[in-house]
Amino acid sequence: MKQIRSILFPTDFSRRCQVVAPAVAAWARFHKAKVILFHVIYVPITAYGHFASYSAMVNFDVLREHAEAALTPLYDEVFQGVIVERVVVVGQPTEEIVKFAHSHPVDLIMLPTHGSGKMRALLLGSVTASVLHDGDCPIWTDAHVTTGGHVSEAPTSVLCGIDFKPKSLELMEAAHFFANEYGAKLHFIHVVPTIEGTGELWPPQDWIESRVAKAMEDFQPLAKQAHVSTELEVVEGQVGQLLHDFAMRHHADLIIVGRGAMHEKFGRLRSHSYDIIRRSPCPVLSI
């Protein structure tokens, strides 16, 4: 895990972005990193019916000036003592965030999840979900809950969920790095997914037991390479719910999970990542 020197913080001026801002500032101060306050002006062309009307009626220079002026009073107090760069662009939010992160030395993206209300709590905000899907660098998301959320400025208990995919060693090294940086307690967990339907457990119990034993066996050489002495806890059940329960039990302020390519045509985010982020009682750092 490389040092964090530049943090991209996209903001739409929402209340949730303001709630997350102190955590962004705290991470920047701790890592002596620059914060890039990033706002995207998005005016859909369909709102104007025709391209000629769109280009004639929308004065993007004025919109950009207003957005740049709004960034200063909204965040200046929060980011006192932090080097801040303000960037305002025009375009589609997800595309511009990902493009900027790809073309600039961004080490971390920090985002709110925008969960609110009974139905919205089941979903991630569309921009956050898309950036998680398309972004390549580590992405921090706040707790996806309807009221406030636990946004810790300095983690004291870090939970790392590993799945023994090809980048598990990289993930363990990152978790070890962050735990050491913050002096936090580190926990590792592996979940053997199960499905309860028609009164029977699936997969069968003997298969589950074999996967538990295999996980314990595979963990040891990875732990040695990652220079970690923390033991692994292996459990069975629904991944998102169990990581939530484990985080609550160990008072975790940060969950670290892998976010990597899927070979299926419908996505590159690992199949359980959305559910983990959606259920998490604390911020999630996906790598």
Protein backbone atom coordinates (compact mmCIF):
# COMPACT_ATOMS: atom_id res chain seq x y z
CA MET A 1 0.00 0.00 0.00
CA LYS A 2 1.57 3.28 -1.08
CA GLN A 3 1.50 6.45 0.98
CA ILE A 4 -1.58 8.64 0.65
CA ARG A 5 -0.48 11.99 -0.70
CA SER A 6 -3.55 13.11 -2.66
CA ILE A 7 -7.24 12.62 -1.71
CA LEU A 8 -10.02 13.27 -4.21
CA PHE A 9 -13.21 14.43 -2.48
CA PRO A 10 -16.11 14.87 -4.94
CA THR A 11 -18.85 17.06 -3.53
CA ASP A 12 -22.33 17.99 -4.72
CA PHE A 13 -22.81 20.42 -1.78
CA SER A 14 -25.22 17.96 -0.12
CA ARG A 15 -25.63 17.55 3.63
CA ARG A 16 -24.05 14.11 3.46
CA CYS A 17 -20.90 15.51 1.86
CA GLN A 18 -20.67 18.05 4.69
CA VAL A 19 -20.98 15.23 7.24
CA VAL A 20 -18.13 13.31 5.60
CA ALA A 21 -15.84 16.34 5.17
CA PRO A 22 -14.35 16.25 8.72
CA ALA A 23 -13.24 12.65 8.16
CA VAL A 24 -11.65 13.65 4.84
CA ALA A 25 -9.83 16.50 6.58
CA ALA A 26 -8.67 14.20 9.38
CA TRP A 27 -7.29 11.63 6.92
CA ALA A 28 -5.55 14.41 5.00
CA ARG A 29 -3.95 15.83 8.15
CA PHE A 30 -2.84 12.42 9.38
CA HIS A 31 -1.28 11.42 6.05
CA LYS A 32 -0.10 14.97 5.24
CA ALA A 33 -2.06 14.71 2.01
CA LYS A 34 -3.55 17.29 -0.31
CA VAL A 35 -7.34 17.34 -0.73
CA ILE A 36 -8.83 17.95 -4.15
CA LEU A 37 -12.33 19.39 -3.71
CA PHE A 38 -14.03 18.25 -6.90
CA HIS A 39 -17.40 19.43 -8.17
CA VAL A 40 -19.04 18.43 -11.43
CA ILE A 41 -21.57 20.73 -13.09
CA TYR A 42 -24.11 18.44 -14.70
CA VAL A 43 -26.89 19.89 -16.82
CA PRO A 44 -28.54 17.10 -18.85
CA ILE A 45 -29.08 18.06 -22.47
CA THR A 46 -32.53 16.42 -22.39
CA ALA A 47 -33.73 19.23 -20.12
CA TYR A 48 -33.49 21.60 -23.06
CA GLY A 49 -35.03 19.44 -25.76
CA HIS A 50 -32.51 20.23 -28.48
CA PHE A 51 -28.75 20.68 -28.64
CA ALA A 52 -29.04 24.18 -30.12
CA SER A 53 -31.19 25.32 -27.20
CA TYR A 54 -28.84 23.63 -24.75
CA SER A 55 -25.69 25.35 -26.02
CA ALA A 56 -27.38 28.73 -26.37
CA MET A 57 -29.15 28.86 -23.01
CA VAL A 58 -26.60 27.35 -20.60
CA ASN A 59 -23.78 29.68 -19.58
CA PHE A 60 -21.23 27.28 -18.15
CA ASP A 61 -18.74 30.02 -17.30
CA VAL A 62 -21.26 31.54 -14.90
CA LEU A 63 -22.17 28.14 -13.45
CA ARG A 64 -18.50 27.39 -12.92
CA GLU A 65 -17.89 30.72 -11.19
CA HIS A 66 -20.82 30.14 -8.83
CA ALA A 67 -19.63 26.62 -8.00
CA GLU A 68 -16.05 27.76 -7.33
CA ALA A 69 -17.34 30.56 -5.10
CA ALA A 70 -19.56 28.11 -3.18
CA LEU A 71 -16.69 25.69 -2.45
CA THR A 72 -14.72 28.23 -0.43
CA PRO A 73 -17.11 29.19 2.41
CA LEU A 74 -18.60 25.70 2.64
CA TYR A 75 -15.35 23.87 3.40
CA ASP A 76 -12.68 26.41 4.42
CA GLU A 77 -13.20 25.98 8.15
CA VAL A 78 -13.23 22.17 7.97
CA PHE A 79 -10.01 22.02 5.96
CA GLN A 80 -7.98 24.52 7.97
CA GLY A 81 -4.31 23.51 7.89
CA VAL A 82 -4.84 21.24 4.86
CA ILE A 83 -3.58 21.96 1.36
CA VAL A 84 -6.73 22.19 -0.77
CA GLU A 85 -7.07 22.33 -4.54
CA ARG A 86 -10.48 23.27 -5.94
CA VAL A 87 -11.53 21.79 -9.26
CA VAL A 88 -14.83 22.47 -11.04
CA VAL A 89 -15.59 20.72 -14.33
CA VAL A 90 -18.58 20.28 -16.61
CA GLY A 91 -19.85 16.84 -17.53
CA GLN A 92 -21.40 13.64 -16.24
CA PRO A 93 -20.36 13.19 -12.57
CA THR A 94 -19.19 9.57 -12.65
CA GLU A 95 -17.27 9.96 -15.88
CA GLU A 96 -15.52 13.12 -14.72
CA ILE A 97 -14.59 11.73 -11.30
CA VAL A 98 -13.13 8.54 -12.74
CA LYS A 99 -11.39 10.40 -15.59
CA PHE A 100 -9.77 12.85 -13.17
CA ALA A 101 -8.63 10.04 -10.86
CA HIS A 102 -7.13 8.17 -13.82
CA SER A 103 -5.29 11.18 -15.23
CA HIS A 104 -3.98 12.71 -11.98
CA PRO A 105 -1.93 11.32 -9.07
CA VAL A 106 -4.91 10.46 -6.86
CA ASP A 107 -4.16 7.95 -4.09
CA LEU A 108 -7.61 7.77 -2.50
CA ILE A 109 -11.19 8.77 -3.34
CA MET A 110 -13.48 9.53 -0.39
CA LEU A 111 -17.25 9.44 -1.00
CA PRO A 112 -20.54 9.53 0.90
CA THR A 113 -23.04 6.78 0.06
CA HIS A 114 -26.22 8.90 0.23
CA GLY A 115 -28.38 6.32 1.98
CA SER A 116 -31.64 7.80 3.27
CA GLY A 117 -35.16 6.57 3.87
CA LYS A 118 -36.42 2.99 4.07
CA MET A 119 -36.06 2.27 0.36
CA ARG A 120 -32.95 4.37 -0.32
CA ALA A 121 -31.14 2.55 2.48
CA LEU A 122 -31.23 -0.55 0.27
CA LEU A 123 -29.29 1.23 -2.48
CA LEU A 124 -26.05 3.08 -2.92
CA GLY A 125 -26.11 6.49 -4.54
CA SER A 126 -25.78 6.09 -8.30
CA VAL A 127 -22.58 8.14 -8.56
CA THR A 128 -20.94 6.29 -5.66
CA ALA A 129 -21.92 2.91 -7.09
CA SER A 130 -20.57 3.84 -10.51
CA VAL A 131 -17.27 5.18 -9.15
CA LEU A 132 -16.84 1.99 -7.12
CA HIS A 133 -17.44 0.03 -10.31
CA ASP A 134 -15.13 2.01 -12.60
CA GLY A 135 -12.47 3.48 -10.31
CA ASP A 136 -9.04 1.86 -9.99
CA CYS A 137 -7.61 3.46 -6.85
CA PRO A 138 -8.69 2.74 -3.24
CA ILE A 139 -12.13 4.17 -2.44
CA TRP A 140 -13.41 5.10 1.03
CA THR A 141 -17.18 5.22 1.58
CA ASP A 142 -18.94 6.35 4.73
CA ALA A 143 -21.38 4.25 6.73
CA HIS A 144 -24.48 3.65 4.63
CA VAL A 145 -27.12 4.34 7.29
CA THR A 146 -30.16 6.58 7.46
CA THR A 147 -29.17 8.66 10.48
CA GLY A 148 -25.79 10.29 10.88
CA GLY A 149 -23.49 7.32 10.66
CA HIS A 150 -20.29 6.45 12.47
CA VAL A 151 -17.60 8.41 10.61
CA SER A 152 -14.43 7.89 12.63
CA GLU A 153 -11.63 10.36 11.98
CA ALA A 154 -8.94 8.01 13.32
CA PRO A 155 -9.64 4.26 13.20
CA THR A 156 -8.85 2.31 16.36
CA SER A 157 -10.20 -1.07 15.20
CA VAL A 158 -9.78 -2.27 11.61
CA LEU A 159 -11.60 -5.27 10.14
CA CYS A 160 -10.31 -6.87 6.95
CA GLY A 161 -12.51 -9.29 5.03
CA ILE A 162 -10.53 -11.59 2.75
CA ASP A 163 -11.78 -13.99 0.08
CA PHE A 164 -8.49 -15.64 -1.02
CA LYS A 165 -8.79 -14.25 -4.53
CA PRO A 166 -5.51 -13.35 -6.35
CA LYS A 167 -5.13 -9.95 -4.65
CA SER A 168 -5.69 -11.15 -1.10
CA LEU A 169 -2.02 -10.64 -0.19
CA GLU A 170 -2.18 -7.04 -1.41
CA LEU A 171 -5.35 -6.54 0.63
CA MET A 172 -3.79 -7.97 3.80
CA GLU A 173 -0.71 -5.79 3.36
CA ALA A 174 -2.93 -2.72 2.98
CA ALA A 175 -4.88 -3.62 6.14
CA HIS A 176 -1.61 -4.15 8.01
CA PHE A 177 -0.34 -0.80 6.72
CA PHE A 178 -3.41 1.13 7.87
CA ALA A 179 -3.58 -0.62 11.24
CA ASN A 180 0.08 0.19 11.87
CA GLU A 181 -0.30 3.79 10.68
CA TYR A 182 -3.17 4.42 13.10
CA GLY A 183 -2.04 2.11 15.88
CA ALA A 184 -5.34 0.26 15.47
CA LYS A 185 -6.29 -3.30 16.37
CA LEU A 186 -6.48 -5.49 13.27
CA HIS A 187 -8.96 -8.34 12.70
CA PHE A 188 -9.22 -10.72 9.75
CA ILE A 189 -12.38 -12.55 8.76
CA HIS A 190 -13.28 -14.93 5.96
CA VAL A 191 -16.90 -15.82 5.25
CA VAL A 192 -17.93 -19.08 3.61
CA PRO A 193 -21.18 -18.05 1.90
CA THR A 194 -24.24 -20.21 2.55
CA ILE A 195 -27.85 -20.08 1.43
CA GLU A 196 -30.75 -21.14 3.60
CA GLY A 197 -33.77 -22.19 1.58
CA THR A 198 -36.37 -25.02 1.74
CA GLY A 199 -35.28 -26.00 5.23
CA GLU A 200 -31.84 -27.16 4.12
CA LEU A 201 -28.42 -25.56 4.28
CA TRP A 202 -26.67 -25.06 0.97
CA PRO A 203 -23.89 -25.90 0.28
CA PRO A 204 -23.84 -29.15 2.33
CA GLN A 205 -22.17 -29.12 5.73
CA ASP A 206 -19.24 -31.32 4.71
CA TRP A 207 -18.42 -28.91 1.86
CA ILE A 208 -18.58 -25.96 4.26
CA GLU A 209 -16.25 -27.70 6.70
CA SER A 210 -13.76 -28.38 3.93
CA ARG A 211 -13.83 -24.71 2.88
CA VAL A 212 -13.27 -23.58 6.48
CA ALA A 213 -10.26 -25.88 6.81
CA LYS A 214 -8.89 -24.75 3.45
CA ALA A 215 -9.22 -21.08 4.44
CA MET A 216 -7.31 -21.63 7.67
CA GLU A 217 -4.60 -23.47 5.74
CA ASP A 218 -4.33 -20.82 3.00
CA PHE A 219 -4.18 -17.95 5.47
CA GLN A 220 -0.90 -18.92 7.11
CA PRO A 221 1.51 -18.38 4.17
CA LEU A 222 -0.28 -15.13 3.26
CA ALA A 223 0.01 -13.89 6.85
CA LYS A 224 3.71 -14.69 6.81
CA GLN A 225 4.26 -12.76 3.56
CA ALA A 226 2.19 -9.82 4.81
CA HIS A 227 4.09 -9.83 8.13
CA VAL A 228 0.92 -10.04 10.21
CA SER A 229 0.47 -12.06 13.37
CA THR A 230 -3.29 -11.58 13.62
CA GLU A 231 -5.35 -14.78 13.52
CA LEU A 232 -8.14 -15.43 11.03
CA GLU A 233 -11.75 -16.03 12.03
CA VAL A 234 -13.74 -18.13 9.57
CA VAL A 235 -17.53 -18.07 9.71
CA GLU A 236 -20.36 -19.25 7.48
CA GLY A 237 -23.45 -17.41 6.35
CA GLN A 238 -24.36 -14.22 4.49
CA VAL A 239 -21.25 -12.14 3.84
CA GLY A 240 -22.64 -8.62 4.28
CA GLN A 241 -24.58 -9.41 7.44
CA LEU A 242 -21.71 -11.32 9.07
CA LEU A 243 -19.19 -8.54 8.41
CA HIS A 244 -21.69 -6.10 9.91
CA ASP A 245 -22.09 -8.28 13.01
CA PHE A 246 -18.33 -8.85 13.33
CA ALA A 247 -17.66 -5.11 12.98
CA MET A 248 -20.21 -4.34 15.69
CA ARG A 249 -18.74 -6.97 18.02
CA HIS A 250 -15.21 -5.61 17.64
CA HIS A 251 -16.25 -1.93 17.54
CA ALA A 252 -14.60 -1.56 14.14
CA ASP A 253 -14.25 1.97 12.77
CA LEU A 254 -13.03 0.82 9.36
CA ILE A 255 -13.71 -2.23 7.19
CA ILE A 256 -11.22 -3.02 4.42
CA VAL A 257 -12.34 -5.25 1.56
CA GLY A 258 -11.17 -6.16 -1.92
CA ARG A 259 -12.69 -4.58 -4.99
CA GLY A 260 -11.48 -6.22 -8.16
CA ALA A 261 -12.32 -7.42 -11.62
CA MET A 262 -15.10 -9.90 -12.19
CA HIS A 263 -14.95 -11.90 -15.38
CA GLU A 264 -18.71 -11.87 -15.82
CA LYS A 265 -19.99 -9.32 -18.33
CA PHE A 266 -22.13 -7.45 -15.80
CA GLY A 267 -19.43 -6.01 -13.62
CA ARG A 268 -16.00 -5.82 -12.14
CA LEU A 269 -16.94 -5.19 -8.52
CA ARG A 270 -16.66 -8.33 -6.41
CA SER A 271 -20.06 -9.83 -5.92
CA HIS A 272 -20.40 -9.10 -2.18
CA SER A 273 -18.88 -5.60 -2.08
CA TYR A 274 -22.14 -3.66 -2.54
CA ASP A 275 -23.83 -5.65 0.21
CA ILE A 276 -20.89 -5.12 2.58
CA ILE A 277 -20.89 -1.36 1.98
CA ARG A 278 -24.68 -1.14 2.22
CA ARG A 279 -24.81 -2.95 5.58
CA SER A 280 -21.63 -1.64 7.16
CA PRO A 281 -21.98 0.26 10.45
CA CYS A 282 -18.71 2.11 9.74
CA PRO A 283 -16.74 3.41 6.72
CA VAL A 284 -15.47 0.88 4.18
CA LEU A 285 -12.17 1.14 2.33
CA SER A 286 -12.37 -0.94 -0.84
CA ILE A 287 -9.11 -1.72 -2.61
